[in-house]
N, C-alpha and C. Protein backbone atom coordinates (compact mmCIF):
# COMPACT_ATOMS: atom_id res chain seq x y z
N UNK A 1 0.93 -1.23 0.01
CA UNK A 1 -0.07 0.09 -0.01
C UNK A 1 0.71 1.13 0.02
N UNK A 2 0.58 2.04 -0.81
CA UNK A 2 1.27 3.38 -0.96
C UNK A 2 0.98 4.36 0.30
N UNK A 3 2.08 4.99 0.73
CA UNK A 3 2.00 5.63 2.05
C UNK A 3 2.22 7.12 1.55
N UNK A 4 1.24 7.75 1.26
CA UNK A 4 1.25 9.33 0.95
C UNK A 4 1.37 10.20 2.21
N UNK A 5 2.33 11.10 2.16
CA UNK A 5 2.45 11.91 3.08
C UNK A 5 2.20 13.43 2.51
N UNK A 6 1.81 14.34 3.28
CA UNK A 6 1.56 15.58 3.05
C UNK A 6 2.63 16.67 3.38
N UNK A 7 3.39 16.09 4.42
CA UNK A 7 4.70 16.83 4.61
C UNK A 7 4.77 17.35 6.07
N UNK A 8 3.58 17.63 6.96
CA UNK A 8 3.67 17.94 8.24
C UNK A 8 3.97 16.86 9.23
N UNK A 9 3.95 15.45 8.76
CA UNK A 9 4.22 14.37 9.46
C UNK A 9 5.58 13.84 9.31
N UNK A 10 6.52 14.65 8.63
CA UNK A 10 7.81 14.03 8.41
C UNK A 10 8.84 15.08 8.44
N UNK A 11 10.21 14.59 8.80
CA UNK A 11 11.25 15.53 9.09
C UNK A 11 12.33 14.89 8.27
N UNK A 12 12.93 15.52 7.29
CA UNK A 12 14.16 15.03 6.56
C UNK A 12 15.25 15.85 6.66
N UNK A 13 16.47 15.02 6.73
CA UNK A 13 17.59 15.63 6.89
C UNK A 13 18.60 15.06 5.73
N UNK A 14 19.74 15.71 5.41
CA UNK A 14 20.71 15.32 4.18
C UNK A 14 21.53 14.35 4.68
N UNK A 15 21.76 13.15 4.17
CA UNK A 15 22.72 12.11 4.61
C UNK A 15 23.64 11.84 3.19
N UNK A 16 24.86 12.34 3.13
CA UNK A 16 26.04 12.06 2.43
C UNK A 16 25.63 12.78 0.99
N UNK A 17 24.99 14.04 0.92
CA UNK A 17 24.78 14.62 -0.20
C UNK A 17 23.63 14.20 -1.15
N UNK A 18 23.47 12.77 -1.33
CA UNK A 18 22.73 12.25 -2.21
C UNK A 18 21.53 11.49 -1.75
N UNK A 19 21.52 11.48 -0.42
CA UNK A 19 20.50 10.60 0.27
C UNK A 19 19.72 11.29 1.42
N UNK A 20 18.73 10.88 1.81
CA UNK A 20 17.97 11.44 2.99
C UNK A 20 17.70 10.66 4.08
N UNK A 21 17.74 10.93 5.21
CA UNK A 21 17.16 10.27 6.36
C UNK A 21 15.74 10.85 6.72
N UNK A 22 14.82 10.12 7.12
CA UNK A 22 13.60 10.52 7.34
C UNK A 22 13.10 10.07 8.73
N UNK A 23 12.62 10.93 9.43
CA UNK A 23 11.98 10.55 10.70
C UNK A 23 10.40 11.13 10.62
N UNK A 24 9.59 10.02 10.60
CA UNK A 24 8.12 10.35 10.89
C UNK A 24 7.75 10.63 12.35
N UNK A 25 6.78 11.63 12.40
CA UNK A 25 6.42 12.12 13.69
C UNK A 25 5.77 10.83 14.64
N UNK A 26 5.51 9.86 13.97
CA UNK A 26 4.92 8.69 14.57
C UNK A 26 5.92 7.86 15.27
N UNK A 27 7.41 8.14 14.91
CA UNK A 27 8.46 7.43 15.53
C UNK A 27 9.22 6.55 14.46
N UNK A 28 8.73 6.32 13.32
CA UNK A 28 9.57 5.52 12.31
C UNK A 28 10.83 6.36 11.89
N UNK A 29 11.69 5.63 11.67
CA UNK A 29 13.08 6.35 11.24
C UNK A 29 13.79 5.41 9.92
N UNK A 30 14.08 6.08 8.91
CA UNK A 30 14.66 5.59 7.77
C UNK A 30 15.98 6.27 7.55
N UNK A 31 16.98 5.64 7.19
CA UNK A 31 18.31 6.19 6.77
C UNK A 31 18.54 5.99 5.30
N UNK A 32 19.23 6.82 4.82
CA UNK A 32 19.88 6.61 3.23
C UNK A 32 18.76 6.49 2.31
N UNK A 33 17.86 7.33 2.21
CA UNK A 33 16.68 7.04 1.44
C UNK A 33 17.04 7.98 0.14
N UNK A 34 16.59 7.43 -1.04
CA UNK A 34 16.82 8.00 -2.34
C UNK A 34 15.49 8.75 -2.76
N UNK A 35 15.44 9.88 -3.03
CA UNK A 35 14.47 10.83 -3.63
C UNK A 35 14.39 10.76 -5.03
N UNK A 36 13.03 10.48 -5.60
CA UNK A 36 12.93 10.43 -7.16
C UNK A 36 11.41 11.16 -7.51
N UNK A 37 11.68 12.10 -8.33
CA UNK A 37 10.32 12.67 -8.73
C UNK A 37 9.57 11.65 -9.65
N UNK A 38 8.20 11.54 -9.43
CA UNK A 38 7.48 10.68 -10.27
C UNK A 38 7.17 11.40 -11.59
N UNK A 39 7.19 12.74 -11.68
CA UNK A 39 7.13 13.57 -12.89
C UNK A 39 8.42 14.25 -13.12
N UNK A 40 9.66 13.90 -13.51
CA UNK A 40 10.57 14.54 -13.43
C UNK A 40 10.83 15.76 -14.26
N UNK A 41 9.98 15.72 -15.51
CA UNK A 41 10.00 16.97 -16.33
C UNK A 41 8.82 17.96 -16.09
N UNK A 42 7.74 17.50 -15.60
CA UNK A 42 6.64 18.48 -15.45
C UNK A 42 6.10 18.53 -13.87
N UNK A 43 6.54 17.84 -13.19
CA UNK A 43 5.87 17.79 -11.83
C UNK A 43 6.59 18.63 -10.65
N UNK A 44 7.86 19.16 -11.03
CA UNK A 44 8.34 19.97 -10.07
C UNK A 44 8.73 19.18 -8.82
N UNK A 45 8.51 19.52 -7.80
CA UNK A 45 8.64 18.85 -6.45
C UNK A 45 7.23 18.27 -5.92
N UNK A 46 6.53 17.95 -6.69
CA UNK A 46 5.07 17.26 -6.27
C UNK A 46 5.39 15.85 -6.63
N UNK A 47 4.77 15.06 -5.81
CA UNK A 47 5.02 13.47 -6.02
C UNK A 47 6.36 13.04 -6.05
N UNK A 48 6.91 13.08 -4.92
CA UNK A 48 8.48 12.72 -4.90
C UNK A 48 8.47 11.50 -3.78
N UNK A 49 9.04 10.42 -4.43
CA UNK A 49 8.92 9.06 -3.71
C UNK A 49 10.30 8.93 -2.95
N UNK A 50 10.26 8.46 -1.80
CA UNK A 50 11.52 8.02 -1.03
C UNK A 50 11.77 6.59 -1.06
N UNK A 51 12.80 6.15 -1.34
CA UNK A 51 13.29 4.71 -1.66
C UNK A 51 14.18 4.17 -0.68
N UNK A 52 14.25 3.01 -0.21
CA UNK A 52 15.35 2.51 0.75
C UNK A 52 16.26 1.91 -0.08
N UNK A 53 17.33 1.36 0.23
CA UNK A 53 18.50 0.78 -0.31
C UNK A 53 18.11 -0.42 -1.14
N UNK A 54 16.89 -1.08 -1.11
CA UNK A 54 16.37 -2.09 -1.75
C UNK A 54 15.58 -1.61 -3.06
N UNK A 55 15.33 -0.50 -3.02
CA UNK A 55 14.43 -0.01 -4.06
C UNK A 55 12.77 0.14 -3.51
N UNK A 56 12.54 -0.41 -2.48
CA UNK A 56 11.29 -0.35 -2.00
C UNK A 56 10.87 1.21 -1.43
N UNK A 57 9.56 1.55 -1.87
CA UNK A 57 9.14 2.86 -1.78
C UNK A 57 8.63 2.95 -0.16
N UNK A 58 9.30 4.01 0.56
CA UNK A 58 8.85 4.14 1.81
C UNK A 58 7.49 4.97 2.06
N UNK A 59 7.69 6.16 1.18
CA UNK A 59 6.47 7.11 1.19
C UNK A 59 6.66 7.91 -0.22
N UNK A 60 5.42 8.47 -0.43
CA UNK A 60 5.32 9.34 -1.66
C UNK A 60 4.93 10.75 -1.08
N UNK A 61 5.74 11.75 -0.95
CA UNK A 61 5.39 13.12 -0.84
C UNK A 61 4.64 13.92 -1.80
N UNK A 62 3.39 14.08 -1.47
CA UNK A 62 2.52 14.68 -2.38
C UNK A 62 2.98 16.18 -2.95
N UNK A 63 3.45 16.95 -1.86
CA UNK A 63 3.91 18.31 -2.49
C UNK A 63 4.98 18.89 -1.38
N UNK A 64 6.36 18.86 -1.92
CA UNK A 64 7.49 19.28 -1.03
C UNK A 64 7.23 20.81 -0.37
N UNK A 65 6.33 21.68 -0.89
CA UNK A 65 6.32 22.83 -0.26
C UNK A 65 5.50 22.81 0.95
N UNK A 66 4.93 21.70 1.12
CA UNK A 66 4.11 21.46 2.59
C UNK A 66 5.06 21.06 3.45
N UNK A 67 6.36 20.59 3.31
CA UNK A 67 7.34 20.21 4.31
C UNK A 67 7.84 21.61 5.11
N UNK A 68 8.22 21.21 6.51
CA UNK A 68 8.87 22.32 7.09
C UNK A 68 10.15 22.76 6.35
N UNK A 69 10.40 24.03 6.56
CA UNK A 69 11.48 24.66 5.73
C UNK A 69 12.82 23.87 5.58
N UNK A 70 13.34 23.36 6.72
CA UNK A 70 14.51 22.64 6.81
C UNK A 70 14.61 21.22 5.98
N UNK A 71 13.34 20.55 6.17
CA UNK A 71 12.98 19.38 5.35
C UNK A 71 13.00 19.69 3.91
N UNK A 72 12.20 20.75 3.53
CA UNK A 72 12.05 21.12 2.12
C UNK A 72 13.35 21.43 1.57
N UNK A 73 14.21 22.16 2.15
CA UNK A 73 15.56 22.54 1.67
C UNK A 73 16.27 21.37 1.51
N UNK A 74 16.38 20.42 2.50
CA UNK A 74 17.17 19.01 2.42
C UNK A 74 16.70 18.28 1.22
N UNK A 75 15.34 18.30 0.94
CA UNK A 75 14.82 17.60 -0.13
C UNK A 75 15.34 18.20 -1.55
N UNK A 76 15.16 19.48 -1.52
CA UNK A 76 15.68 20.19 -2.77
C UNK A 76 16.94 20.07 -3.22
N UNK A 77 17.92 20.07 -2.14
CA UNK A 77 19.29 19.83 -2.32
C UNK A 77 19.63 18.37 -2.89
N UNK A 78 18.95 17.36 -2.36
CA UNK A 78 19.15 16.04 -2.83
C UNK A 78 18.65 16.01 -4.29
N UNK A 79 17.45 16.44 -4.45
CA UNK A 79 16.78 16.25 -5.87
C UNK A 79 17.80 16.99 -6.84
N UNK A 80 18.18 18.25 -6.45
CA UNK A 80 19.32 18.97 -7.42
C UNK A 80 20.60 18.14 -7.85
N UNK A 81 20.97 17.44 -6.73
CA UNK A 81 22.15 16.65 -7.01
C UNK A 81 21.68 15.19 -7.98
N UNK A 82 20.53 14.72 -7.69
CA UNK A 82 20.02 13.63 -8.54
C UNK A 82 19.84 13.92 -9.78
N UNK A 83 19.11 15.07 -10.20
CA UNK A 83 18.62 15.35 -11.45
C UNK A 83 19.74 16.46 -12.02
N UNK A 84 20.84 16.69 -11.63
CA UNK A 84 21.82 17.57 -12.15
C UNK A 84 22.25 17.09 -13.50
N UNK A 85 21.96 17.96 -14.47
CA UNK A 85 22.38 17.63 -15.82
C UNK A 85 23.09 18.92 -16.49
N UNK A 86 24.02 18.81 -17.31
CA UNK A 86 24.48 20.01 -17.91
C UNK A 86 23.54 20.62 -18.74
N UNK A 87 23.60 22.03 -18.77
CA UNK A 87 22.45 22.73 -19.51
C UNK A 87 23.41 23.40 -20.65
N UNK A 88 23.03 23.10 -22.01
CA UNK A 88 23.63 23.57 -23.20
C UNK A 88 23.29 25.05 -23.16
N UNK A 89 24.45 25.90 -23.45
CA UNK A 89 24.20 27.29 -23.90
C UNK A 89 24.55 27.64 -25.17
N UNK A 90 25.26 26.88 -25.71
CA UNK A 90 25.53 27.14 -27.16
C UNK A 90 26.08 26.06 -27.88
N UNK A 91 26.22 25.71 -29.11
CA UNK A 91 26.72 24.74 -29.85
C UNK A 91 27.98 25.53 -30.63
N UNK A 92 29.05 24.69 -30.38
CA UNK A 92 30.32 25.13 -30.95
C UNK A 92 30.72 24.66 -32.27
N UNK A 93 30.48 23.45 -32.33
CA UNK A 93 30.62 22.52 -33.67
C UNK A 93 29.69 21.44 -33.68
N UNK A 94 29.50 20.88 -34.87
CA UNK A 94 28.81 19.81 -35.19
C UNK A 94 29.07 19.18 -36.48
N UNK A 95 29.38 17.81 -36.39
CA UNK A 95 29.79 17.29 -37.84
C UNK A 95 28.89 15.99 -37.82
N UNK A 96 29.00 15.27 -38.92
CA UNK A 96 28.23 13.98 -39.24
C UNK A 96 29.20 13.05 -39.95
N UNK A 97 29.31 11.96 -39.52
CA UNK A 97 30.09 10.91 -40.28
C UNK A 97 29.52 9.61 -40.10
N UNK A 98 29.16 8.97 -41.12
CA UNK A 98 28.53 7.55 -41.15
C UNK A 98 27.12 7.73 -40.21
N UNK A 99 26.43 8.70 -40.40
CA UNK A 99 25.23 8.90 -39.49
C UNK A 99 25.30 8.86 -38.14
N UNK A 100 26.74 9.31 -37.73
CA UNK A 100 26.85 9.59 -35.97
C UNK A 100 27.21 11.04 -36.17
N UNK A 101 26.45 11.78 -35.26
CA UNK A 101 26.46 13.31 -35.26
C UNK A 101 27.47 13.48 -33.96
N UNK A 102 28.47 14.21 -34.31
CA UNK A 102 29.56 14.74 -33.18
C UNK A 102 29.34 16.17 -32.95
N UNK A 103 28.96 16.38 -31.49
CA UNK A 103 28.87 17.65 -31.07
C UNK A 103 29.72 18.29 -30.38
N UNK A 104 29.99 19.49 -30.15
CA UNK A 104 30.88 20.26 -29.08
C UNK A 104 30.09 21.34 -28.72
N UNK A 105 29.88 21.39 -27.43
CA UNK A 105 28.74 22.26 -26.88
C UNK A 105 29.43 23.11 -25.58
N UNK A 106 28.97 24.38 -25.45
CA UNK A 106 29.28 25.02 -24.36
C UNK A 106 28.06 24.76 -23.28
N UNK A 107 28.35 24.45 -22.08
CA UNK A 107 27.45 24.19 -21.04
C UNK A 107 27.72 25.07 -19.84
N UNK A 108 26.71 24.99 -18.86
CA UNK A 108 26.98 25.67 -17.43
C UNK A 108 28.07 24.93 -16.78
N UNK A 109 28.55 23.67 -17.18
CA UNK A 109 29.65 23.06 -16.45
C UNK A 109 30.79 23.05 -17.36
N UNK A 110 30.87 23.79 -18.38
CA UNK A 110 32.05 23.84 -19.39
C UNK A 110 31.83 23.28 -20.71
N UNK A 111 32.91 23.30 -21.45
CA UNK A 111 32.66 22.63 -22.86
C UNK A 111 32.75 21.18 -22.83
N UNK A 112 31.70 20.52 -23.51
CA UNK A 112 31.74 19.06 -23.62
C UNK A 112 31.62 18.58 -25.13
N UNK A 113 31.92 17.44 -25.28
CA UNK A 113 31.75 16.65 -26.55
C UNK A 113 31.03 15.52 -26.48
N UNK A 114 30.13 15.22 -27.42
CA UNK A 114 29.36 14.19 -27.34
C UNK A 114 28.88 13.61 -28.73
N UNK A 115 28.38 12.25 -28.82
CA UNK A 115 28.02 11.90 -30.02
C UNK A 115 26.68 11.31 -29.81
N UNK A 116 25.81 11.53 -30.91
CA UNK A 116 24.49 10.88 -30.98
C UNK A 116 24.27 10.08 -32.18
N UNK A 117 23.69 8.86 -32.16
CA UNK A 117 23.62 8.08 -33.33
C UNK A 117 22.14 8.03 -34.07
N UNK A 118 21.10 8.42 -33.27
CA UNK A 118 20.05 8.51 -33.85
C UNK A 118 19.44 9.90 -33.48
N UNK A 119 19.47 10.90 -34.18
CA UNK A 119 18.99 12.30 -33.74
C UNK A 119 17.38 12.27 -33.64
N UNK A 120 16.73 11.29 -34.21
CA UNK A 120 15.23 11.42 -34.05
C UNK A 120 14.80 10.75 -32.58
N UNK A 121 15.70 9.84 -32.12
CA UNK A 121 15.40 9.50 -30.75
C UNK A 121 16.09 9.97 -29.68
N UNK A 122 17.13 10.72 -30.03
CA UNK A 122 18.02 11.42 -29.07
C UNK A 122 17.95 12.82 -28.66
N UNK A 123 17.11 13.58 -29.66
CA UNK A 123 16.95 14.95 -29.56
C UNK A 123 15.48 15.10 -29.35
N UNK A 124 14.94 15.55 -28.03
CA UNK A 124 13.46 15.63 -28.03
C UNK A 124 12.99 17.21 -27.65
N UNK A 125 12.52 17.70 -28.46
CA UNK A 125 11.93 19.07 -28.10
C UNK A 125 10.58 18.82 -27.23
N UNK A 126 10.65 19.78 -26.25
CA UNK A 126 9.52 19.85 -25.31
C UNK A 126 8.47 20.96 -25.67
N UNK A 127 7.44 21.00 -25.27
CA UNK A 127 6.52 22.08 -25.56
C UNK A 127 6.68 23.22 -24.92
N UNK A 128 7.53 23.57 -24.03
CA UNK A 128 7.81 24.64 -23.47
C UNK A 128 9.06 25.28 -23.75
N UNK A 129 9.56 24.94 -24.89
CA UNK A 129 10.75 25.40 -25.48
C UNK A 129 12.18 24.80 -25.07
N UNK A 130 12.02 23.81 -24.05
CA UNK A 130 13.35 23.10 -23.65
C UNK A 130 13.45 21.90 -24.67
N UNK A 131 14.79 21.34 -24.84
CA UNK A 131 15.16 20.40 -25.56
C UNK A 131 15.99 19.52 -24.77
N UNK A 132 15.72 18.34 -24.77
CA UNK A 132 16.30 17.23 -23.92
C UNK A 132 17.14 16.48 -25.01
N UNK A 133 18.49 16.29 -24.83
CA UNK A 133 19.41 15.41 -25.62
C UNK A 133 20.10 14.32 -24.87
N UNK A 134 20.04 13.10 -25.41
CA UNK A 134 20.77 11.83 -24.63
C UNK A 134 21.81 11.39 -25.79
N UNK A 135 23.00 11.28 -25.19
CA UNK A 135 24.01 11.12 -26.13
C UNK A 135 24.06 9.54 -26.25
N UNK A 136 25.17 9.12 -27.20
CA UNK A 136 25.29 7.64 -27.40
C UNK A 136 25.90 6.75 -26.04
N UNK A 137 26.09 7.45 -25.09
CA UNK A 137 26.72 6.91 -23.83
C UNK A 137 25.61 7.10 -22.74
N UNK A 138 24.36 7.46 -23.20
CA UNK A 138 23.11 7.68 -22.13
C UNK A 138 23.34 8.87 -21.23
N UNK A 139 24.41 9.92 -21.52
CA UNK A 139 24.28 11.11 -20.94
C UNK A 139 23.29 11.86 -21.27
N UNK A 140 22.82 12.70 -20.41
CA UNK A 140 21.70 13.76 -20.86
C UNK A 140 22.03 14.94 -20.57
N UNK A 141 21.47 15.93 -21.50
CA UNK A 141 21.76 17.40 -21.46
C UNK A 141 20.57 18.07 -21.92
N UNK A 142 20.43 19.32 -21.30
CA UNK A 142 19.21 20.04 -21.36
C UNK A 142 19.39 21.39 -22.02
N UNK A 143 18.74 21.78 -23.03
CA UNK A 143 18.69 23.32 -23.56
C UNK A 143 17.57 23.73 -22.80
N UNK A 144 17.57 24.85 -21.90
CA UNK A 144 16.45 25.42 -21.16
C UNK A 144 15.57 26.08 -21.91
N UNK A 145 16.00 26.80 -23.19
CA UNK A 145 15.09 27.67 -24.07
C UNK A 145 15.91 27.60 -25.33
N UNK A 146 15.38 26.77 -26.17
CA UNK A 146 15.75 26.81 -27.51
C UNK A 146 15.99 28.29 -28.46
N UNK A 147 15.08 29.04 -27.95
CA UNK A 147 14.83 30.42 -28.60
C UNK A 147 16.08 31.36 -27.91
N UNK A 148 16.60 30.82 -26.99
CA UNK A 148 17.67 31.85 -26.31
C UNK A 148 18.96 31.45 -26.90
N UNK A 149 19.13 30.34 -27.48
CA UNK A 149 20.54 30.11 -28.18
C UNK A 149 20.72 31.02 -29.23
N UNK A 150 22.12 31.35 -29.50
CA UNK A 150 22.58 32.26 -30.49
C UNK A 150 22.16 31.63 -31.86
N UNK A 151 22.02 32.48 -32.97
CA UNK A 151 21.72 32.03 -34.32
C UNK A 151 22.47 30.89 -34.87
N UNK A 152 23.71 30.85 -34.72
CA UNK A 152 24.57 29.61 -35.08
C UNK A 152 24.24 28.34 -34.50
N UNK A 153 24.04 28.63 -33.09
CA UNK A 153 23.59 27.24 -32.28
C UNK A 153 22.33 26.77 -32.80
N UNK A 154 21.20 27.69 -33.09
CA UNK A 154 19.86 27.25 -33.58
C UNK A 154 19.89 26.72 -35.03
N UNK A 155 20.72 27.37 -35.64
CA UNK A 155 20.98 26.74 -37.20
C UNK A 155 21.49 25.23 -37.08
N UNK A 156 22.60 25.05 -36.27
CA UNK A 156 23.01 23.68 -35.98
C UNK A 156 22.02 22.61 -35.69
N UNK A 157 21.28 23.17 -34.44
CA UNK A 157 20.34 22.24 -33.81
C UNK A 157 19.13 21.99 -34.60
N UNK A 158 18.54 23.03 -35.27
CA UNK A 158 17.09 22.96 -35.73
C UNK A 158 16.79 21.94 -36.88
N UNK A 159 17.79 21.73 -37.76
CA UNK A 159 17.77 20.77 -38.65
C UNK A 159 17.73 19.23 -38.10
N UNK A 160 18.07 19.19 -36.89
CA UNK A 160 18.12 17.95 -36.26
C UNK A 160 16.87 17.57 -35.29
N UNK A 161 15.97 18.40 -35.20
CA UNK A 161 14.73 18.15 -34.40
C UNK A 161 13.54 18.41 -35.18
């Protein structure tokens, strides 16, 4: 049975940057829980599941904004680490050889180089102007707003989406 929580019955603390410890006001305690969004692209911090080391769901937080501030901040910091993906700010170079696209891009984490083998499956435009890219090694990248890319970058990207 799924254990939904609204927030006021739970206290969260960060455990080793990537995990959370949870203490329910009923007395139950859990350590090293993994937090995952049920709707990572559209749900924000609503419906966040907490999972133990065996992958069993401990609870589902309906809306993290209902948590007390210290718990909300702990959850947000762990979620930020879990979902941290480089954001592409410009494309510097793109070439294609044998149907493999080789990209060089400027990101908020520095310059990266990656390959994609199937641009139809690997480059996903979203309704809100974002673009998600998954490279040949299953690394993910995000373009927060395709319209904010410079003209050269848009020209390189748009024929591929």
